[in-house]
Amino acid sequence: MKKDLPKENLEDLDTNLDSIVALIRNYRNESGHPSGKVLSREQCYVNLQLFIPCCKKIYELIDFFKA
């Protein structure tokens, strides 16, 4: 469906979606096989910073598919 998306929706689409999928996969694996490692404050901050552009991209896609 990428060919049907407007150019502004395609910009950084793979990067944003890949980053959030990688975060989900890592934390899912950690919860299934806990190592006891505690997330640092810096890592939490980085995760939140990565989530913001991804969330914006997801809402752009939602708006596109609703129209």
C-alpha atoms as a PDB file:
ATOM      1  CA  MET A   1       0.000   0.000   0.000  1.00  0.00           C
ATOM      2  CA  LYS A   2       3.025   2.283   0.168  1.00  0.00           C
ATOM      3  CA  LYS A   3       2.545   3.351  -3.436  1.00  0.00           C
ATOM      4  CA  ASP A   4      -0.881   4.760  -2.539  1.00  0.00           C
ATOM      5  CA  LEU A   5       0.363   6.885   0.368  1.00  0.00           C
ATOM      6  CA  PRO A   6       1.094  10.589  -0.063  1.00  0.00           C
ATOM      7  CA  LYS A   7       4.738  11.623  -0.004  1.00  0.00           C
ATOM      8  CA  GLU A   8       4.466  13.312   3.421  1.00  0.00           C
ATOM      9  CA  ASN A   9       3.174  10.066   4.953  1.00  0.00           C
ATOM     10  CA  LEU A  10       6.036   8.052   3.445  1.00  0.00           C
ATOM     11  CA  GLU A  11       8.759  10.283   4.866  1.00  0.00           C
ATOM     12  CA  ASP A  12      10.586   8.331   7.611  1.00  0.00           C
ATOM     13  CA  LEU A  13       7.755   5.781   7.750  1.00  0.00           C
ATOM     14  CA  ASP A  14      10.025   2.733   7.875  1.00  0.00           C
ATOM     15  CA  THR A  15      12.362   4.300  10.407  1.00  0.00           C
ATOM     16  CA  ASN A  16       9.583   5.304  12.791  1.00  0.00           C
ATOM     17  CA  LEU A  17       7.671   2.058  12.594  1.00  0.00           C
ATOM     18  CA  ASP A  18      10.803  -0.091  12.786  1.00  0.00           C
ATOM     19  CA  SER A  19      11.977   1.733  15.906  1.00  0.00           C
ATOM     20  CA  ILE A  20       8.737   1.234  17.810  1.00  0.00           C
ATOM     21  CA  VAL A  21       8.512  -2.425  16.752  1.00  0.00           C
ATOM     22  CA  ALA A  22      12.089  -2.957  17.978  1.00  0.00           C
ATOM     23  CA  LEU A  23      11.226  -1.370  21.342  1.00  0.00           C
ATOM     24  CA  ILE A  24       8.143  -3.543  21.729  1.00  0.00           C
ATOM     25  CA  ARG A  25      10.072  -6.688  20.760  1.00  0.00           C
ATOM     26  CA  ASN A  26      12.915  -5.951  23.190  1.00  0.00           C
ATOM     27  CA  TYR A  27      10.635  -5.292  26.147  1.00  0.00           C
ATOM     28  CA  ARG A  28       8.408  -8.259  25.316  1.00  0.00           C
ATOM     29  CA  ASN A  29      11.462 -10.519  25.281  1.00  0.00           C
ATOM     30  CA  GLU A  30      12.704  -8.981  28.524  1.00  0.00           C
ATOM     31  CA  SER A  31       9.377  -9.602  30.227  1.00  0.00           C
ATOM     32  CA  GLY A  32       9.360 -13.236  29.065  1.00  0.00           C
ATOM     33  CA  HIS A  33      12.980 -13.825  30.062  1.00  0.00           C
ATOM     34  CA  PRO A  34      13.743 -11.271  32.783  1.00  0.00           C
ATOM     35  CA  SER A  35      17.369 -10.517  33.471  1.00  0.00           C
ATOM     36  CA  GLY A  36      16.691  -8.361  36.518  1.00  0.00           C
ATOM     37  CA  LYS A  37      18.206  -5.365  34.749  1.00  0.00           C
ATOM     38  CA  VAL A  38      16.572  -2.063  35.709  1.00  0.00           C
ATOM     39  CA  LEU A  39      16.039   0.609  33.063  1.00  0.00           C
ATOM     40  CA  SER A  40      18.004   3.747  33.649  1.00  0.00           C
ATOM     41  CA  ARG A  41      16.399   7.167  33.663  1.00  0.00           C
ATOM     42  CA  GLU A  42      18.296   7.991  30.465  1.00  0.00           C
ATOM     43  CA  GLN A  43      16.979   4.890  28.674  1.00  0.00           C
ATOM     44  CA  CYS A  44      13.402   5.745  29.651  1.00  0.00           C
ATOM     45  CA  TYR A  45      13.925   9.262  28.311  1.00  0.00           C
ATOM     46  CA  VAL A  46      15.300   7.935  25.017  1.00  0.00           C
ATOM     47  CA  ASN A  47      12.345   5.552  24.647  1.00  0.00           C
ATOM     48  CA  LEU A  48       9.879   8.390  25.147  1.00  0.00           C
ATOM     49  CA  GLN A  49      11.740  10.559  22.643  1.00  0.00           C
ATOM     50  CA  LEU A  50      11.609   7.770  20.055  1.00  0.00           C
ATOM     51  CA  PHE A  51       7.913   7.219  20.654  1.00  0.00           C
ATOM     52  CA  ILE A  52       6.848  10.806  19.848  1.00  0.00           C
ATOM     53  CA  PRO A  53       7.674  10.841  16.098  1.00  0.00           C
ATOM     54  CA  CYS A  54       6.369   7.304  15.740  1.00  0.00           C
ATOM     55  CA  CYS A  55       3.060   8.225  17.337  1.00  0.00           C
ATOM     56  CA  LYS A  56       2.739  11.251  15.043  1.00  0.00           C
ATOM     57  CA  LYS A  57       3.348   9.036  12.021  1.00  0.00           C
ATOM     58  CA  ILE A  58       0.740   6.526  13.187  1.00  0.00           C
ATOM     59  CA  TYR A  59      -1.868   9.274  13.551  1.00  0.00           C
ATOM     60  CA  GLU A  60      -1.028  10.593  10.075  1.00  0.00           C
ATOM     61  CA  LEU A  61      -1.683   7.113   8.712  1.00  0.00           C
ATOM     62  CA  ILE A  62      -4.948   6.816  10.670  1.00  0.00           C
ATOM     63  CA  ASP A  63      -6.127  10.141   9.213  1.00  0.00           C
ATOM     64  CA  PHE A  64      -5.155   9.050   5.708  1.00  0.00           C
ATOM     65  CA  PHE A  65      -7.010   5.742   5.911  1.00  0.00           C
ATOM     66  CA  LYS A  66     -10.109   7.365   7.441  1.00  0.00           C
ATOM     67  CA  ALA A  67     -10.376   9.717   4.444  1.00  0.00           C
END
